[in-house]
């Protein structure tokens, strides 16, 4: 049984699709990150991750390391198998 969680992280500073891809690729390199969708128009990233392998604080650090700011997040549990 996985401990999948869905985090919606608000991101500041994205201006284009290259910004989306940069953040998406950085997050997908992290162990425990299963899916990432980033949308610069809404300023959000949706990240499906295994909470047993990675924490939201690390996801936020990765975004900061990529050169963007975050402005909070929301999280929900997802049933896994």
PDB file of N, CA and C in Angstrom:
ATOM      1  N   UNK A   1       0.845  -1.189   0.000  1.00  0.00           N
ATOM      2  CA  UNK A   1       0.000   0.000   0.000  1.00  0.00           C
ATOM      3  C   UNK A   1       0.885   1.244   0.000  1.00  0.00           C
ATOM      4  N   UNK A   2       0.686   2.102  -0.962  1.00  0.00           N
ATOM      5  CA  UNK A   2       1.461   3.335  -1.011  1.00  0.00           C
ATOM      6  C   UNK A   2       0.788   4.401  -0.157  1.00  0.00           C
ATOM      7  N   UNK A   3       1.533   5.432   0.136  1.00  0.00           N
ATOM      8  CA  UNK A   3       1.022   6.555   0.924  1.00  0.00           C
ATOM      9  C   UNK A   3       0.904   7.774   0.024  1.00  0.00           C
ATOM     10  N   UNK A   4       0.216   7.608  -1.107  1.00  0.00           N
ATOM     11  CA  UNK A   4       0.134   8.689  -2.074  1.00  0.00           C
ATOM     12  C   UNK A   4      -0.615   9.895  -1.514  1.00  0.00           C
ATOM     13  N   UNK A   5      -0.052  11.046  -1.793  1.00  0.00           N
ATOM     14  CA  UNK A   5      -0.633  12.325  -1.407  1.00  0.00           C
ATOM     15  C   UNK A   5      -0.656  13.198  -2.656  1.00  0.00           C
ATOM     16  N   UNK A   6      -1.610  14.100  -2.713  1.00  0.00           N
ATOM     17  CA  UNK A   6      -1.667  15.083  -3.784  1.00  0.00           C
ATOM     18  C   UNK A   6      -1.451  16.453  -3.169  1.00  0.00           C
ATOM     19  N   UNK A   7      -0.437  17.143  -3.654  1.00  0.00           N
ATOM     20  CA  UNK A   7      -0.173  18.507  -3.186  1.00  0.00           C
ATOM     21  C   UNK A   7      -0.398  19.472  -4.336  1.00  0.00           C
ATOM     22  N   UNK A   8      -1.101  20.547  -4.055  1.00  0.00           N
ATOM     23  CA  UNK A   8      -1.257  21.655  -4.985  1.00  0.00           C
ATOM     24  C   UNK A   8      -0.402  22.785  -4.417  1.00  0.00           C
ATOM     25  N   UNK A   9       0.667  23.101  -5.120  1.00  0.00           N
ATOM     26  CA  UNK A   9       1.617  24.100  -4.636  1.00  0.00           C
ATOM     27  C   UNK A   9       1.489  25.353  -5.494  1.00  0.00           C
ATOM     28  N   UNK A  10       1.280  26.495  -4.848  1.00  0.00           N
ATOM     29  CA  UNK A  10       1.198  27.769  -5.555  1.00  0.00           C
ATOM     30  C   UNK A  10       2.627  28.290  -5.799  1.00  0.00           C
ATOM     31  N   UNK A  11       2.895  28.648  -7.050  1.00  0.00           N
ATOM     32  CA  UNK A  11       4.247  29.053  -7.453  1.00  0.00           C
ATOM     33  C   UNK A  11       4.196  30.450  -8.053  1.00  0.00           C
ATOM     34  N   UNK A  12       5.142  31.284  -7.636  1.00  0.00           N
ATOM     35  CA  UNK A  12       5.256  32.639  -8.173  1.00  0.00           C
ATOM     36  C   UNK A  12       6.470  32.720  -9.081  1.00  0.00           C
ATOM     37  N   UNK A  13       6.355  33.523 -10.140  1.00  0.00           N
ATOM     38  CA  UNK A  13       7.506  33.789 -10.992  1.00  0.00           C
ATOM     39  C   UNK A  13       7.532  33.028 -12.308  1.00  0.00           C
ATOM     40  N   UNK A  14       6.529  32.187 -12.564  1.00  0.00           N
ATOM     41  CA  UNK A  14       6.487  31.486 -13.843  1.00  0.00           C
ATOM     42  C   UNK A  14       5.908  32.420 -14.909  1.00  0.00           C
ATOM     43  N   UNK A  15       6.520  32.378 -16.106  1.00  0.00           N
ATOM     44  CA  UNK A  15       6.073  33.267 -17.171  1.00  0.00           C
ATOM     45  C   UNK A  15       5.729  32.543 -18.472  1.00  0.00           C
ATOM     46  N   UNK A  16       6.127  31.270 -18.596  1.00  0.00           N
ATOM     47  CA  UNK A  16       5.942  30.598 -19.880  1.00  0.00           C
ATOM     48  C   UNK A  16       5.971  29.074 -19.698  1.00  0.00           C
ATOM     49  N   UNK A  17       5.829  28.373 -20.824  1.00  0.00           N
ATOM     50  CA  UNK A  17       5.842  26.913 -20.790  1.00  0.00           C
ATOM     51  C   UNK A  17       7.218  26.362 -20.427  1.00  0.00           C
ATOM     52  N   UNK A  18       8.280  27.103 -20.716  1.00  0.00           N
ATOM     53  CA  UNK A  18       9.625  26.661 -20.316  1.00  0.00           C
ATOM     54  C   UNK A  18       9.738  26.647 -18.790  1.00  0.00           C
ATOM     55  N   UNK A  19       9.105  27.602 -18.147  1.00  0.00           N
ATOM     56  CA  UNK A  19       9.083  27.627 -16.677  1.00  0.00           C
ATOM     57  C   UNK A  19       8.393  26.365 -16.153  1.00  0.00           C
ATOM     58  N   UNK A  20       7.250  26.037 -16.762  1.00  0.00           N
ATOM     59  CA  UNK A  20       6.516  24.825 -16.359  1.00  0.00           C
ATOM     60  C   UNK A  20       7.409  23.599 -16.473  1.00  0.00           C
ATOM     61  N   UNK A  21       8.057  23.451 -17.628  1.00  0.00           N
ATOM     62  CA  UNK A  21       8.881  22.269 -17.887  1.00  0.00           C
ATOM     63  C   UNK A  21      10.059  22.187 -16.932  1.00  0.00           C
ATOM     64  N   UNK A  22      10.667  23.304 -16.633  1.00  0.00           N
ATOM     65  CA  UNK A  22      11.808  23.334 -15.723  1.00  0.00           C
ATOM     66  C   UNK A  22      11.417  22.806 -14.347  1.00  0.00           C
ATOM     67  N   UNK A  23      10.300  23.280 -13.839  1.00  0.00           N
ATOM     68  CA  UNK A  23       9.820  22.836 -12.525  1.00  0.00           C
ATOM     69  C   UNK A  23       9.383  21.372 -12.583  1.00  0.00           C
ATOM     70  N   UNK A  24       8.645  21.012 -13.621  1.00  0.00           N
ATOM     71  CA  UNK A  24       8.167  19.643 -13.761  1.00  0.00           C
ATOM     72  C   UNK A  24       9.327  18.652 -13.808  1.00  0.00           C
ATOM     73  N   UNK A  25      10.331  18.932 -14.625  1.00  0.00           N
ATOM     74  CA  UNK A  25      11.476  18.029 -14.736  1.00  0.00           C
ATOM     75  C   UNK A  25      12.239  17.904 -13.428  1.00  0.00           C
ATOM     76  N   UNK A  26      12.406  19.010 -12.721  1.00  0.00           N
ATOM     77  CA  UNK A  26      13.123  18.978 -11.445  1.00  0.00           C
ATOM     78  C   UNK A  26      12.372  18.120 -10.428  1.00  0.00           C
ATOM     79  N   UNK A  27      11.058  18.268 -10.361  1.00  0.00           N
ATOM     80  CA  UNK A  27      10.267  17.483  -9.400  1.00  0.00           C
ATOM     81  C   UNK A  27      10.250  16.000  -9.761  1.00  0.00           C
ATOM     82  N   UNK A  28      10.153  15.697 -11.054  1.00  0.00           N
ATOM     83  CA  UNK A  28      10.091  14.296 -11.468  1.00  0.00           C
ATOM     84  C   UNK A  28      11.391  13.539 -11.215  1.00  0.00           C
ATOM     85  N   UNK A  29      12.488  14.253 -11.046  1.00  0.00           N
ATOM     86  CA  UNK A  29      13.770  13.602 -10.733  1.00  0.00           C
ATOM     87  C   UNK A  29      13.834  13.095  -9.290  1.00  0.00           C
ATOM     88  N   UNK A  30      12.918  13.560  -8.462  1.00  0.00           N
ATOM     89  CA  UNK A  30      12.934  13.189  -7.047  1.00  0.00           C
ATOM     90  C   UNK A  30      12.286  11.826  -6.826  1.00  0.00           C
ATOM     91  N   UNK A  31      12.946  10.985  -6.036  1.00  0.00           N
ATOM     92  CA  UNK A  31      12.378   9.680  -5.689  1.00  0.00           C
ATOM     93  C   UNK A  31      11.089   9.891  -4.899  1.00  0.00           C
ATOM     94  N   UNK A  32      10.049   9.180  -5.280  1.00  0.00           N
ATOM     95  CA  UNK A  32       8.774   9.283  -4.597  1.00  0.00           C
ATOM     96  C   UNK A  32       7.764  10.175  -5.297  1.00  0.00           C
ATOM     97  N   UNK A  33       8.225  10.952  -6.296  1.00  0.00           N
ATOM     98  CA  UNK A  33       7.307  11.788  -7.062  1.00  0.00           C
ATOM     99  C   UNK A  33       6.782  10.954  -8.225  1.00  0.00           C
ATOM    100  N   UNK A  34       5.471  10.783  -8.285  1.00  0.00           N
ATOM    101  CA  UNK A  34       4.858   9.922  -9.287  1.00  0.00           C
ATOM    102  C   UNK A  34       4.339  10.669 -10.508  1.00  0.00           C
ATOM    103  N   UNK A  35       3.744  11.833 -10.297  1.00  0.00           N
ATOM    104  CA  UNK A  35       3.188  12.639 -11.395  1.00  0.00           C
ATOM    105  C   UNK A  35       3.298  14.111 -11.041  1.00  0.00           C
ATOM    106  N   UNK A  36       3.512  14.922 -12.066  1.00  0.00           N
ATOM    107  CA  UNK A  36       3.583  16.370 -11.865  1.00  0.00           C
ATOM    108  C   UNK A  36       2.894  17.060 -13.034  1.00  0.00           C
ATOM    109  N   UNK A  37       2.026  17.994 -12.728  1.00  0.00           N
ATOM    110  CA  UNK A  37       1.441  18.877 -13.733  1.00  0.00           C
ATOM    111  C   UNK A  37       1.660  20.304 -13.248  1.00  0.00           C
ATOM    112  N   UNK A  38       2.252  21.117 -14.100  1.00  0.00           N
ATOM    113  CA  UNK A  38       2.527  22.508 -13.754  1.00  0.00           C
ATOM    114  C   UNK A  38       1.823  23.407 -14.764  1.00  0.00           C
ATOM    115  N   UNK A  39       1.176  24.465 -14.274  1.00  0.00           N
ATOM    116  CA  UNK A  39       0.461  25.390 -15.147  1.00  0.00           C
ATOM    117  C   UNK A  39       0.841  26.819 -14.785  1.00  0.00           C
ATOM    118  N   UNK A  40       1.552  27.497 -15.697  1.00  0.00           N
ATOM    119  CA  UNK A  40       2.002  28.851 -15.370  1.00  0.00           C
ATOM    120  C   UNK A  40       0.842  29.840 -15.339  1.00  0.00           C
ATOM    121  N   UNK A  41      -0.216  29.597 -16.101  1.00  0.00           N
ATOM    122  CA  UNK A  41      -1.360  30.525 -16.098  1.00  0.00           C
ATOM    123  C   UNK A  41      -2.045  30.575 -14.736  1.00  0.00           C
ATOM    124  N   UNK A  42      -2.205  29.404 -14.101  1.00  0.00           N
ATOM    125  CA  UNK A  42      -2.834  29.376 -12.773  1.00  0.00           C
ATOM    126  C   UNK A  42      -1.801  29.540 -11.668  1.00  0.00           C
ATOM    127  N   UNK A  43      -0.516  29.397 -12.008  1.00  0.00           N
ATOM    128  CA  UNK A  43       0.545  29.530 -11.005  1.00  0.00           C
ATOM    129  C   UNK A  43       0.555  28.384 -10.022  1.00  0.00           C
ATOM    130  N   UNK A  44       0.258  27.178 -10.508  1.00  0.00           N
ATOM    131  CA  UNK A  44       0.186  26.027  -9.606  1.00  0.00           C
ATOM    132  C   UNK A  44       0.884  24.803 -10.176  1.00  0.00           C
ATOM    133  N   UNK A  45       1.349  23.972  -9.249  1.00  0.00           N
ATOM    134  CA  UNK A  45       1.852  22.647  -9.598  1.00  0.00           C
ATOM    135  C   UNK A  45       1.028  21.631  -8.817  1.00  0.00           C
ATOM    136  N   UNK A  46       0.574  20.591  -9.507  1.00  0.00           N
ATOM    137  CA  UNK A  46      -0.104  19.463  -8.862  1.00  0.00           C
ATOM    138  C   UNK A  46       0.895  18.325  -8.828  1.00  0.00           C
ATOM    139  N   UNK A  47       1.183  17.842  -7.631  1.00  0.00           N
ATOM    140  CA  UNK A  47       2.213  16.823  -7.475  1.00  0.00           C
ATOM    141  C   UNK A  47       1.628  15.622  -6.735  1.00  0.00           C
ATOM    142  N   UNK A  48       1.656  14.462  -7.387  1.00  0.00           N
ATOM    143  CA  UNK A  48       1.253  13.212  -6.763  1.00  0.00           C
ATOM    144  C   UNK A  48       2.527  12.532  -6.298  1.00  0.00           C
ATOM    145  N   UNK A  49       2.620  12.283  -4.993  1.00  0.00           N
ATOM    146  CA  UNK A  49       3.867  11.755  -4.439  1.00  0.00           C
ATOM    147  C   UNK A  49       3.596  10.753  -3.333  1.00  0.00           C
ATOM    148  N   UNK A  50       4.588   9.917  -3.072  1.00  0.00           N
ATOM    149  CA  UNK A  50       4.517   8.927  -2.003  1.00  0.00           C
ATOM    150  C   UNK A  50       5.075   9.573  -0.739  1.00  0.00           C
ATOM    151  N   UNK A  51       4.202   9.842   0.223  1.00  0.00           N
ATOM    152  CA  UNK A  51       4.592  10.530   1.457  1.00  0.00           C
ATOM    153  C   UNK A  51       5.561   9.704   2.301  1.00  0.00           C
ATOM    154  N   UNK A  52       5.679   8.414   2.008  1.00  0.00           N
ATOM    155  CA  UNK A  52       6.650   7.590   2.712  1.00  0.00           C
ATOM    156  C   UNK A  52       8.068   7.779   2.192  1.00  0.00           C
ATOM    157  N   UNK A  53       8.184   8.391   1.011  1.00  0.00           N
ATOM    158  CA  UNK A  53       9.496   8.574   0.389  1.00  0.00           C
ATOM    159  C   UNK A  53       9.950  10.027   0.305  1.00  0.00           C
ATOM    160  N   UNK A  54       9.011  10.952   0.257  1.00  0.00           N
ATOM    161  CA  UNK A  54       9.369  12.366   0.120  1.00  0.00           C
ATOM    162  C   UNK A  54       8.314  13.210   0.822  1.00  0.00           C
ATOM    163  N   UNK A  55       8.744  14.315   1.371  1.00  0.00           N
ATOM    164  CA  UNK A  55       7.853  15.216   2.094  1.00  0.00           C
ATOM    165  C   UNK A  55       7.613  16.498   1.293  1.00  0.00           C
ATOM    166  N   UNK A  56       6.543  17.194   1.607  1.00  0.00           N
ATOM    167  CA  UNK A  56       6.222  18.437   0.905  1.00  0.00           C
ATOM    168  C   UNK A  56       7.342  19.459   1.056  1.00  0.00           C
ATOM    169  N   UNK A  57       7.990  19.498   2.193  1.00  0.00           N
ATOM    170  CA  UNK A  57       9.089  20.455   2.384  1.00  0.00           C
ATOM    171  C   UNK A  57      10.167  20.258   1.323  1.00  0.00           C
ATOM    172  N   UNK A  58      10.443  19.018   0.963  1.00  0.00           N
ATOM    173  CA  UNK A  58      11.442  18.745  -0.074  1.00  0.00           C
ATOM    174  C   UNK A  58      10.935  19.210  -1.443  1.00  0.00           C
ATOM    175  N   UNK A  59       9.653  18.994  -1.733  1.00  0.00           N
ATOM    176  CA  UNK A  59       9.084  19.454  -3.001  1.00  0.00           C
ATOM    177  C   UNK A  59       9.235  20.970  -3.133  1.00  0.00           C
ATOM    178  N   UNK A  60       8.962  21.674  -2.055  1.00  0.00           N
ATOM    179  CA  UNK A  60       9.078  23.132  -2.044  1.00  0.00           C
ATOM    180  C   UNK A  60      10.542  23.544  -2.222  1.00  0.00           C
ATOM    181  N   UNK A  61      11.466  22.834  -1.564  1.00  0.00           N
ATOM    182  CA  UNK A  61      12.893  23.123  -1.726  1.00  0.00           C
ATOM    183  C   UNK A  61      13.332  22.965  -3.181  1.00  0.00           C
ATOM    184  N   UNK A  62      12.834  21.914  -3.842  1.00  0.00           N
ATOM    185  CA  UNK A  62      13.179  21.680  -5.250  1.00  0.00           C
ATOM    186  C   UNK A  62      12.700  22.848  -6.115  1.00  0.00           C
ATOM    187  N   UNK A  63      11.499  23.327  -5.864  1.00  0.00           N
ATOM    188  CA  UNK A  63      10.970  24.464  -6.620  1.00  0.00           C
ATOM    189  C   UNK A  63      11.830  25.700  -6.376  1.00  0.00           C
ATOM    190  N   UNK A  64      12.196  25.943  -5.128  1.00  0.00           N
ATOM    191  CA  UNK A  64      13.053  27.086  -4.800  1.00  0.00           C
ATOM    192  C   UNK A  64      14.413  26.943  -5.484  1.00  0.00           C
ATOM    193  N   UNK A  65      14.971  25.728  -5.461  1.00  0.00           N
ATOM    194  CA  UNK A  65      16.273  25.483  -6.089  1.00  0.00           C
ATOM    195  C   UNK A  65      16.227  25.706  -7.597  1.00  0.00           C
ATOM    196  N   UNK A  66      15.036  25.572  -8.184  1.00  0.00           N
ATOM    197  CA  UNK A  66      14.857  25.782  -9.617  1.00  0.00           C
ATOM    198  C   UNK A  66      14.745  27.276  -9.944  1.00  0.00           C
ATOM    199  N   UNK A  67      14.607  28.107  -8.914  1.00  0.00           N
ATOM    200  CA  UNK A  67      14.592  29.547  -9.115  1.00  0.00           C
ATOM    201  C   UNK A  67      13.234  30.213  -8.982  1.00  0.00           C
ATOM    202  N   UNK A  68      12.270  29.509  -8.408  1.00  0.00           N
ATOM    203  CA  UNK A  68      10.920  30.057  -8.272  1.00  0.00           C
ATOM    204  C   UNK A  68      10.535  30.125  -6.802  1.00  0.00           C
ATOM    205  N   UNK A  69       9.551  30.967  -6.509  1.00  0.00           N
ATOM    206  CA  UNK A  69       9.044  31.127  -5.146  1.00  0.00           C
ATOM    207  C   UNK A  69       7.737  30.363  -5.005  1.00  0.00           C
ATOM    208  N   UNK A  70       7.458  29.928  -3.804  1.00  0.00           N
ATOM    209  CA  UNK A  70       6.183  29.279  -3.536  1.00  0.00           C
ATOM    210  C   UNK A  70       5.365  30.169  -2.606  1.00  0.00           C
ATOM    211  N   UNK A  71       4.044  29.983  -2.692  1.00  0.00           N
ATOM    212  CA  UNK A  71       3.129  30.803  -1.897  1.00  0.00           C
ATOM    213  C   UNK A  71       2.086  29.908  -1.251  1.00  0.00           C
ATOM    214  N   UNK A  72       2.560  28.841  -0.607  1.00  0.00           N
ATOM    215  CA  UNK A  72       1.667  27.946   0.099  1.00  0.00           C
ATOM    216  C   UNK A  72       1.264  26.730  -0.721  1.00  0.00           C
ATOM    217  N   UNK A  73       0.535  25.839  -0.065  1.00  0.00           N
ATOM    218  CA  UNK A  73       0.104  24.600  -0.699  1.00  0.00           C
ATOM    219  C   UNK A  73      -1.126  24.067  -0.010  1.00  0.00           C
ATOM    220  N   UNK A  74      -1.804  23.140  -0.680  1.00  0.00           N
ATOM    221  CA  UNK A  74      -2.860  22.350  -0.056  1.00  0.00           C
ATOM    222  C   UNK A  74      -2.525  20.893  -0.348  1.00  0.00           C
ATOM    223  N   UNK A  75      -3.011  20.011   0.507  1.00  0.00           N
ATOM    224  CA  UNK A  75      -2.660  18.598   0.393  1.00  0.00           C
ATOM    225  C   UNK A  75      -3.862  17.741   0.680  1.00  0.00           C
ATOM    226  N   UNK A  76      -3.934  16.601  -0.026  1.00  0.00           N
ATOM    227  CA  UNK A  76      -5.001  15.629   0.256  1.00  0.00           C
ATOM    228  C   UNK A  76      -4.439  14.243   0.075  1.00  0.00           C
ATOM    229  N   UNK A  77      -5.018  13.293   0.781  1.00  0.00           N
ATOM    230  CA  UNK A  77      -4.623  11.902   0.656  1.00  0.00           C
ATOM    231  C   UNK A  77      -5.274  11.264  -0.548  1.00  0.00           C
ATOM    232  N   UNK A  78      -4.595  10.298  -1.128  1.00  0.00           N
ATOM    233  CA  UNK A  78      -5.109   9.565  -2.271  1.00  0.00           C
ATOM    234  C   UNK A  78      -4.991   8.095  -1.949  1.00  0.00           C
ATOM    235  N   UNK A  79      -6.030   7.329  -2.216  1.00  0.00           N
ATOM    236  CA  UNK A  79      -5.982   5.902  -1.937  1.00  0.00           C
ATOM    237  C   UNK A  79      -5.033   5.233  -2.920  1.00  0.00           C
ATOM    238  N   UNK A  80      -4.116   4.439  -2.407  1.00  0.00           N
ATOM    239  CA  UNK A  80      -3.159   3.746  -3.261  1.00  0.00           C
ATOM    240  C   UNK A  80      -3.253   2.260  -3.068  1.00  0.00           C
ATOM    241  N   UNK A  81      -2.611   1.518  -3.951  1.00  0.00           N
ATOM    242  CA  UNK A  81      -2.605   0.064  -3.881  1.00  0.00           C
ATOM    243  C   UNK A  81      -1.189  -0.414  -3.763  1.00  0.00           C
TER     244      UNK A  81
END
